[in-house]
């Protein structure tokens, strides 16, 4: 998810920092950023930390 990477970098967060703040593992964030499927609850947690709606994470960057 290119959008996830861009949003994370805008917040100046590492994958590990985002994972900790969302209550996830670093591996889960890495998988999300590399296009692996995720459970809706996982996407909601990440979106909440980044201050966006879950659907915003699914949009292509640009």
Protein backbone atom coordinates (compact mmCIF):
# COMPACT_ATOMS: atom_id res chain seq x y z
CA UNK A 1 0.00 0.00 0.00
CA UNK A 2 1.84 3.01 -1.27
CA UNK A 3 -0.63 5.26 0.51
CA UNK A 4 0.21 3.70 3.87
CA UNK A 5 3.92 4.30 3.36
CA UNK A 6 3.33 7.93 2.40
CA UNK A 7 1.06 8.57 5.37
CA UNK A 8 3.49 6.90 7.77
CA UNK A 9 6.40 8.92 6.42
CA UNK A 10 4.37 12.16 6.64
CA UNK A 11 3.96 11.44 10.36
CA UNK A 12 7.72 10.72 10.57
CA UNK A 13 7.11 7.24 11.98
CA UNK A 14 9.16 4.13 11.44
CA UNK A 15 7.39 0.84 10.81
CA UNK A 16 8.25 -0.20 14.35
CA UNK A 17 6.85 3.01 15.85
CA UNK A 18 3.61 2.69 13.90
CA UNK A 19 3.31 -0.95 14.92
CA UNK A 20 3.83 -0.13 18.59
CA UNK A 21 1.30 2.71 18.51
CA UNK A 22 -1.29 0.52 16.75
CA UNK A 23 -0.70 -2.50 19.00
CA UNK A 24 0.61 -4.58 16.11
CA UNK A 25 3.86 -6.27 15.24
CA UNK A 26 6.48 -4.72 12.98
CA UNK A 27 5.98 -7.66 10.64
CA UNK A 28 2.28 -6.87 10.29
CA UNK A 29 3.04 -3.28 9.25
CA UNK A 30 5.67 -4.52 6.79
CA UNK A 31 3.17 -6.94 5.28
CA UNK A 32 0.56 -4.19 4.92
CA UNK A 33 3.04 -1.93 3.20
CA UNK A 34 3.95 -4.70 0.79
CA UNK A 35 0.38 -5.37 -0.27
CA UNK A 36 -0.46 -8.40 1.82
CA UNK A 37 -4.08 -8.76 2.85
CA UNK A 38 -5.08 -7.58 6.29
CA UNK A 39 -8.04 -8.00 8.56
CA UNK A 40 -10.40 -5.03 8.77
CA UNK A 41 -9.54 -4.54 12.45
CA UNK A 42 -5.86 -4.24 11.62
CA UNK A 43 -6.55 -1.62 8.98
CA UNK A 44 -8.75 0.30 11.45
CA UNK A 45 -5.95 0.32 14.05
CA UNK A 46 -3.40 1.67 11.60
CA UNK A 47 -5.82 4.26 10.22
CA UNK A 48 -6.61 5.47 13.72
CA UNK A 49 -2.93 6.04 14.54
CA UNK A 50 -2.42 7.88 11.24
CA UNK A 51 -5.55 9.99 11.70
CA UNK A 52 -7.31 8.84 8.54
CA UNK A 53 -10.29 6.75 7.59
CA UNK A 54 -9.57 3.08 6.84
CA UNK A 55 -10.69 3.57 3.23
CA UNK A 56 -7.96 6.21 2.84
CA UNK A 57 -5.32 3.52 3.38
CA UNK A 58 -6.68 1.56 0.45
CA UNK A 59 -6.30 4.45 -2.01
CA UNK A 60 -3.31 4.57 -4.32
CA UNK A 61 -0.75 7.24 -3.61
CA UNK A 62 -0.66 10.16 -5.93
